[in-house]
Amino acid sequence: MIQIRPVSDLRNKFPEIEAIVNEGKPVYLTKNGYGAMVVLSLEEYENLTSSIEAKLDEADKQAAASGERLSHDTVFDHARSAIHGK
């Protein structure tokens, strides 16, 4: 189940938030009824960002080896196609 908590729970119920996050689940925090932030474990954050870093490194190497440059429209079109499976 998605955990949505007021940001005050981060201060007042930290052990509960910590237990949820340590189970590998994100906790969504709200402020005044609006989404404010997401709390993740370090491991989950690493899982999310490590593949991005690897892809950026790969792109840097590819750009250095090639004179080809793509417009931002082309790059985002390719990204959207990959995300949406088109």
Protein backbone atom coordinates (compact mmCIF):
# COMPACT_ATOMS: atom_id res chain seq x y z
CA MET A 1 0.00 0.00 0.00
CA ILE A 2 1.26 3.49 -0.81
CA GLN A 3 2.35 5.38 2.28
CA ILE A 4 1.25 9.02 2.23
CA ARG A 5 2.00 10.92 5.41
CA PRO A 6 2.04 14.55 6.51
CA VAL A 7 5.53 16.00 6.67
CA SER A 8 5.09 16.43 10.44
CA ASP A 9 5.24 12.61 10.74
CA LEU A 10 8.88 12.80 9.69
CA ARG A 11 9.60 14.60 12.95
CA ASN A 12 6.92 13.10 15.19
CA LYS A 13 6.92 9.48 13.98
CA PHE A 14 10.40 9.05 12.56
CA PRO A 15 10.80 5.41 13.68
CA GLU A 16 7.61 4.45 11.79
CA ILE A 17 8.77 6.25 8.65
CA GLU A 18 12.21 4.70 8.97
CA ALA A 19 10.75 1.19 9.30
CA ILE A 20 8.65 1.61 6.15
CA VAL A 21 11.57 3.01 4.17
CA ASN A 22 13.89 0.23 5.37
CA GLU A 23 11.40 -2.29 3.93
CA GLY A 24 12.20 -0.80 0.52
CA LYS A 25 8.98 1.22 0.22
CA PRO A 26 8.91 4.96 -0.45
CA VAL A 27 7.01 7.30 1.86
CA TYR A 28 5.29 10.25 0.21
CA LEU A 29 5.16 13.33 2.43
CA THR A 30 2.60 16.08 2.11
CA LYS A 31 2.56 19.65 3.34
CA ASN A 32 -0.76 21.44 3.62
CA GLY A 33 -2.37 18.62 1.65
CA TYR A 34 0.01 18.83 -1.32
CA GLY A 35 2.85 16.51 -2.25
CA ALA A 36 6.11 17.83 -0.85
CA MET A 37 8.73 15.06 -1.06
CA VAL A 38 9.47 11.36 -1.13
CA VAL A 39 11.63 9.57 1.41
CA LEU A 40 13.62 6.57 0.16
CA SER A 41 16.24 4.32 1.66
CA LEU A 42 19.77 4.87 0.44
CA GLU A 43 19.64 1.49 -1.28
CA GLU A 44 16.47 2.37 -3.20
CA TYR A 45 17.89 5.75 -4.17
CA GLU A 46 21.06 4.05 -5.41
CA ASN A 47 18.98 1.58 -7.44
CA LEU A 48 17.16 4.47 -9.10
CA THR A 49 20.16 6.63 -9.84
CA SER A 50 22.90 4.13 -10.65
CA SER A 51 21.38 3.13 -13.97
CA ILE A 52 20.93 6.79 -14.89
CA GLU A 53 24.57 7.53 -14.11
CA ALA A 54 25.68 4.53 -16.18
CA LYS A 55 23.55 5.66 -19.15
CA LEU A 56 24.90 9.21 -18.91
CA ASP A 57 28.47 7.88 -18.85
CA GLU A 58 27.68 5.72 -21.88
CA ALA A 59 26.20 8.73 -23.69
CA ASP A 60 29.29 10.82 -22.90
CA LYS A 61 31.56 8.13 -24.37
CA GLN A 62 29.35 7.80 -27.43
CA ALA A 63 29.31 11.58 -27.95
CA ALA A 64 33.10 11.76 -27.65
CA ALA A 65 33.50 9.04 -30.28
CA SER A 66 31.01 10.53 -32.72
CA GLY A 67 30.49 13.91 -34.30
CA GLU A 68 26.74 13.31 -34.41
CA ARG A 69 24.62 15.67 -32.31
CA LEU A 70 20.88 15.39 -31.72
CA SER A 71 18.42 18.16 -30.97
CA HIS A 72 16.66 18.12 -27.64
CA ASP A 73 13.38 17.40 -29.48
CA THR A 74 14.88 14.27 -31.02
CA VAL A 75 16.33 13.10 -27.71
CA PHE A 76 13.05 13.61 -25.84
CA ASP A 77 11.06 11.95 -28.64
CA HIS A 78 13.32 8.89 -28.36
CA ALA A 79 13.00 8.90 -24.56
CA ARG A 80 9.22 9.17 -24.70
CA SER A 81 9.06 6.35 -27.23
CA ALA A 82 11.22 4.15 -24.99
CA ILE A 83 9.11 4.92 -21.92
CA HIS A 84 5.78 4.41 -23.62
CA GLY A 85 6.90 1.43 -25.69
CA LYS A 86 6.30 3.00 -29.09
